[in-house]
Every structure is written in C-alpha cells, then in structure tokens.
Amino acid sequence: MKYFENYPPVTEQKQGHQLGEEPYIHSSCIVKDSSLGPWTALGAGTWLVESTFGDYSYTAGNVQIIYSEIGKYCSIANSVRINPGNHPQWRVTQHHMTYRRAHYGLGEDDQEFFQWRRDHKCTIGHDVWIGHGAVIMPGVNIGTGAIIGSGAIVTKDVGPYEIAVGVAAKVIKKRFDDATIEKLLASEWWNWDRETLEQNFNDLLNLEVFIDKYC
C-alpha cells in the first residue's frame, strides 16, 4: 500500500480561519435574505435562506436551513436539514409544478404557498446541539440547551435541555434536573457581551461553580 500524507499535495501551509465580529462564510455557501451574528461560521455547502443565525453558532457543512430562527451558540453537525421542503398534500397533485409554475410555463409562482411555508418556521433556542444528519421538520421549536441525536427526524417540539433521538424523535431524558435547568435558563449567560465572556469563560466549564456564582 502507498501512504499519503496529504492529497492533493500541500504546497504551502494553510492557516485555519479565525473567527471574529465578521461572520465566516465558506465560499461554497448560499446565503439569501438572512442575518448572521458575530463569531458565527457557515461550513462548506451550507444554505441559509430567509433565516437568522445567532452569535457564535456554526454549521459543520452541507447544512440546509430555511425559514428558521437559530439561537446563539448552536452547534449544527454535517448534513442537517432545518425546515426542509414541504408539498401541498391537499391538492390533486403535490408536485412542485403547482407552486413553482414559472419553471413549467404554467404562469407565475404560487406566492401564497411560499408564505404558508414561511408561516411554519422552525425556532431553535440557544446552545442547542443538532447531530449529524438530523432533520427538523417545519414548525418545530427546540428549546435552549437541547440535544438532537444523529439521524433524528424531529416532528414535535423539544423542550429546554431535553435530549431527543430516533425516527420519529422522542425525548429520552433531560440533561439536568428541573431546578438546575430553571437556574441555567434564568442566567441567560448566552447574552453575555464579549468582555464578560472572556472574563468568566472558565466558569462555563464547571456546572457547580457556575450555579454557585451566577444563580
């Protein structure tokens, strides 16, 4: 067997991208009518359409987000879909020619249908981790601190700090007891400014220390 250290060969040392106040957006991304906060990063192949993307959140790549509100400090793994395409099941045919009419020479696109999709936006809270290949269906709300397991199909709301897995996704447990969850939600640490974050960063690494100090 032949050993490859790098392929294609690396001709010069590449530095990892440095995050900052200006969002990092990979050149292969598609962003349309959307807003991104500081210290955010969109990995390769990400689509962000008519959505908001909160401070410090990131996508690992090949993620599609449409008609959604993403909170701060969210970790979104590769190949996640948030608010995937929907079809008009109530019509004789649910084919997209019924709403993307211009493509087929059948008149103007059905703006009422697209507004219906916008009205069923997804809302993702703060500090949410969405695992590889998960799908968040239209209209679903996911609470702050929640975890969505890899490959999950989320069809119902998930509460704060709950862990949901499977197809269709079911909540299997909470990350912490109710009293701790209440204290974490009340702290709203995700709204710290940059200076406060830097000064108190180590406190985020220890739950007991954080609760004693801020709750």
Protein backbone atom coordinates (compact mmCIF):
# COMPACT_ATOMS: atom_id res chain seq x y z
CA MET A 1 0.00 0.00 0.00
CA LYS A 2 1.07 3.57 -0.66
CA TYR A 3 0.98 6.10 2.18
CA PHE A 4 -0.49 9.57 1.54
CA GLU A 5 0.23 12.33 4.00
CA ASN A 6 -1.93 14.80 2.07
CA TYR A 7 -3.78 14.63 -1.23
CA PRO A 8 -3.73 16.80 -3.20
CA PRO A 9 -0.21 17.74 -2.14
CA VAL A 10 0.04 20.74 0.18
CA THR A 11 2.30 23.34 -1.44
CA GLU A 12 2.02 25.88 1.35
CA GLN A 13 0.92 25.88 4.95
CA LYS A 14 -2.73 26.85 5.31
CA GLN A 15 -3.94 28.60 8.42
CA GLY A 16 -7.32 27.78 9.94
CA HIS A 17 -9.86 30.56 9.64
CA GLN A 18 -10.01 32.92 12.60
CA LEU A 19 -13.50 33.80 13.80
CA GLY A 20 -14.42 37.32 14.80
CA GLU A 21 -17.04 40.04 14.62
CA GLU A 22 -17.45 39.40 10.89
CA PRO A 23 -19.24 36.08 10.16
CA TYR A 24 -17.15 33.42 8.45
CA ILE A 25 -18.93 32.08 5.37
CA HIS A 26 -17.27 29.41 3.23
CA SER A 27 -17.12 30.33 -0.45
CA SER A 28 -19.38 27.41 -1.38
CA CYS A 29 -22.27 28.59 0.83
CA ILE A 30 -25.54 30.08 -0.36
CA VAL A 31 -26.97 32.84 1.83
CA LYS A 32 -30.16 34.67 0.88
CA ASP A 33 -32.13 37.28 2.83
CA SER A 34 -30.57 36.17 6.12
CA SER A 35 -28.78 37.71 9.10
CA LEU A 36 -25.76 36.31 10.94
CA GLY A 37 -24.32 37.38 14.29
CA PRO A 38 -20.64 37.83 15.18
CA TRP A 39 -18.34 34.86 15.77
CA THR A 40 -20.50 32.67 13.54
CA ALA A 41 -19.30 30.19 10.91
CA LEU A 42 -21.04 28.51 7.99
CA GLY A 43 -19.20 25.39 6.83
CA ALA A 44 -18.85 24.33 3.22
CA GLY A 45 -22.05 23.79 1.26
CA THR A 46 -24.36 25.41 3.81
CA TRP A 47 -27.61 27.01 2.65
CA LEU A 48 -29.11 29.75 4.81
CA VAL A 49 -32.33 31.14 3.35
CA GLU A 50 -34.61 33.74 4.94
CA SER A 51 -33.27 32.90 8.39
CA THR A 52 -31.43 34.39 11.35
CA PHE A 53 -28.29 32.80 12.76
CA GLY A 54 -27.28 33.77 16.29
CA ASP A 55 -23.89 34.77 17.70
CA TYR A 56 -21.23 32.03 17.99
CA SER A 57 -23.38 29.43 16.20
CA TYR A 58 -21.83 27.30 13.46
CA THR A 59 -22.58 24.65 10.87
CA ALA A 60 -20.13 21.86 10.11
CA GLY A 61 -21.09 21.77 6.41
CA ASN A 62 -23.69 20.54 3.93
CA VAL A 63 -26.43 22.02 6.11
CA GLN A 64 -29.68 23.47 4.76
CA ILE A 65 -31.61 25.99 6.85
CA ILE A 66 -34.68 27.76 5.52
CA TYR A 67 -37.36 29.94 7.15
CA SER A 68 -35.81 29.47 10.60
CA GLU A 69 -34.51 31.31 13.66
CA ILE A 70 -31.30 29.85 15.08
CA GLY A 71 -30.22 30.98 18.55
CA LYS A 72 -26.75 31.72 19.88
CA TYR A 73 -24.02 29.14 20.50
CA CYS A 74 -25.72 26.43 18.43
CA SER A 75 -23.64 23.50 17.16
CA ILE A 76 -25.06 22.12 13.93
CA ALA A 77 -23.38 19.00 12.55
CA ASN A 78 -22.88 17.94 8.95
CA SER A 79 -25.86 17.20 6.69
CA VAL A 80 -28.55 18.64 8.97
CA ARG A 81 -31.81 19.90 7.43
CA ILE A 82 -33.84 22.52 9.26
CA ASN A 83 -37.31 23.17 7.81
CA PRO A 84 -36.96 21.01 4.67
CA GLY A 85 -39.20 21.46 1.64
CA ASN A 86 -42.90 20.83 2.04
CA HIS A 87 -45.53 19.98 -0.56
CA PRO A 88 -49.27 20.80 -0.91
CA GLN A 89 -50.74 17.44 0.07
CA TRP A 90 -54.28 18.83 -0.16
CA ARG A 91 -54.10 19.36 -3.94
CA VAL A 92 -54.84 16.74 -6.59
CA THR A 93 -51.10 16.60 -7.25
CA GLN A 94 -48.49 17.58 -4.72
CA HIS A 95 -45.85 18.06 -7.44
CA HIS A 96 -43.90 21.32 -7.25
CA MET A 97 -45.22 22.40 -10.63
CA THR A 98 -48.29 23.54 -8.67
CA TYR A 99 -46.25 26.22 -6.89
CA ARG A 100 -43.08 26.62 -9.00
CA ARG A 101 -45.26 27.28 -12.00
CA ALA A 102 -42.87 29.52 -13.91
CA HIS A 103 -40.43 26.62 -14.36
CA TYR A 104 -43.08 24.76 -16.32
CA GLY A 105 -44.61 27.64 -18.27
CA LEU A 106 -47.78 27.42 -16.19
CA GLY A 107 -47.95 31.01 -15.00
CA GLU A 108 -46.47 32.85 -12.04
CA ASP A 109 -45.18 31.07 -8.95
CA ASP A 110 -47.68 30.50 -6.14
CA GLN A 111 -46.63 33.09 -3.57
CA GLU A 112 -49.41 32.05 -1.19
CA PHE A 113 -47.84 28.60 -0.93
CA PHE A 114 -44.40 30.02 -0.10
CA GLN A 115 -45.94 32.26 2.53
CA TRP A 116 -47.54 29.16 4.04
CA ARG A 117 -44.05 27.68 4.33
CA ARG A 118 -42.72 30.86 5.92
CA ASP A 119 -45.53 30.78 8.44
CA HIS A 120 -44.31 27.35 9.59
CA LYS A 121 -40.80 28.42 10.54
CA CYS A 122 -38.52 26.47 12.86
CA THR A 123 -37.20 28.07 16.02
CA ILE A 124 -34.00 26.77 17.61
CA GLY A 125 -33.04 28.06 21.07
CA HIS A 126 -29.56 28.84 22.39
CA ASP A 127 -26.73 26.35 22.95
CA VAL A 128 -28.53 23.59 21.01
CA TRP A 129 -26.52 20.68 19.60
CA ILE A 130 -28.02 19.07 16.48
CA GLY A 131 -26.30 15.83 15.49
CA HIS A 132 -25.21 14.57 12.07
CA GLY A 133 -27.96 14.06 9.52
CA ALA A 134 -30.82 15.18 11.75
CA VAL A 135 -33.92 16.70 10.17
CA ILE A 136 -36.02 19.33 11.94
CA MET A 137 -39.44 19.36 10.33
CA PRO A 138 -41.45 22.54 9.58
CA GLY A 139 -42.93 24.39 12.53
CA VAL A 140 -40.87 22.60 15.19
CA ASN A 141 -39.44 24.52 18.18
CA ILE A 142 -36.35 23.27 20.01
CA GLY A 143 -35.59 24.70 23.43
CA THR A 144 -32.35 26.12 24.74
CA GLY A 145 -29.72 23.58 25.76
CA ALA A 146 -31.39 20.67 23.95
CA ILE A 147 -29.59 17.87 22.13
CA ILE A 148 -30.90 16.26 18.92
CA GLY A 149 -29.32 12.89 18.19
CA SER A 150 -27.70 11.99 14.88
CA GLY A 151 -30.19 10.90 12.24
CA ALA A 152 -33.21 12.02 14.26
CA ILE A 153 -36.36 13.17 12.48
CA VAL A 154 -37.88 15.79 14.76
CA THR A 155 -41.62 16.23 14.18
CA LYS A 156 -42.62 17.65 17.59
CA ASP A 157 -41.29 20.37 19.87
CA VAL A 158 -38.37 19.55 22.15
CA GLY A 159 -38.10 21.35 25.48
CA PRO A 160 -35.10 23.10 27.05
CA TYR A 161 -32.21 20.78 27.93
CA GLU A 162 -34.07 17.71 26.66
CA ILE A 163 -32.34 15.02 24.61
CA ALA A 164 -34.33 13.66 21.65
CA VAL A 165 -33.32 10.76 19.40
CA GLY A 166 -34.81 8.43 16.83
CA VAL A 167 -37.35 8.38 14.00
CA ALA A 168 -39.70 9.97 14.80
CA ALA A 169 -37.65 11.62 17.54
CA LYS A 170 -38.63 11.04 21.17
CA VAL A 171 -37.29 12.68 24.29
CA ILE A 172 -35.29 10.11 26.27
CA LYS A 173 -34.11 12.25 29.18
CA LYS A 174 -33.11 15.72 30.35
CA ARG A 175 -29.52 16.85 30.68
CA PHE A 176 -30.09 18.16 34.21
CA ASP A 177 -32.75 18.16 36.91
CA ASP A 178 -35.57 20.71 36.66
CA ALA A 179 -34.14 23.01 39.33
CA THR A 180 -30.80 23.23 37.55
CA ILE A 181 -32.48 23.82 34.20
CA GLU A 182 -34.52 26.64 35.68
CA LYS A 183 -31.38 28.28 37.05
CA LEU A 184 -29.49 27.97 33.75
CA LEU A 185 -32.37 29.46 31.80
CA ALA A 186 -32.64 32.33 34.28
CA SER A 187 -28.92 33.08 33.99
CA GLU A 188 -29.17 33.84 30.24
CA TRP A 189 -25.39 33.52 30.00
CA TRP A 190 -25.66 33.40 26.20
CA ASN A 191 -26.42 37.12 26.29
CA TRP A 192 -23.06 37.98 27.88
CA ASP A 193 -21.09 40.55 25.92
CA ARG A 194 -17.62 39.61 24.68
CA GLU A 195 -15.80 41.15 27.63
CA THR A 196 -17.95 39.27 30.15
CA LEU A 197 -17.50 36.03 28.22
CA GLU A 198 -13.73 36.36 28.24
CA GLN A 199 -13.60 37.25 31.94
CA ASN A 200 -15.86 34.38 33.03
CA PHE A 201 -15.12 31.77 30.37
CA ASN A 202 -13.70 29.16 32.76
CA ASP A 203 -16.88 29.24 34.82
CA LEU A 204 -18.75 27.76 31.84
CA LEU A 205 -16.66 24.61 32.17
CA ASN A 206 -17.93 23.64 35.64
CA LEU A 207 -21.66 23.35 36.32
CA GLU A 208 -21.40 23.54 40.11
CA VAL A 209 -19.16 26.60 40.03
CA PHE A 210 -21.44 28.31 37.55
CA ILE A 211 -24.59 27.66 39.58
CA ASP A 212 -22.96 28.89 42.79
CA LYS A 213 -21.63 32.04 41.17
CA TYR A 214 -24.43 33.16 38.84
CA CYS A 215 -27.62 31.54 40.10
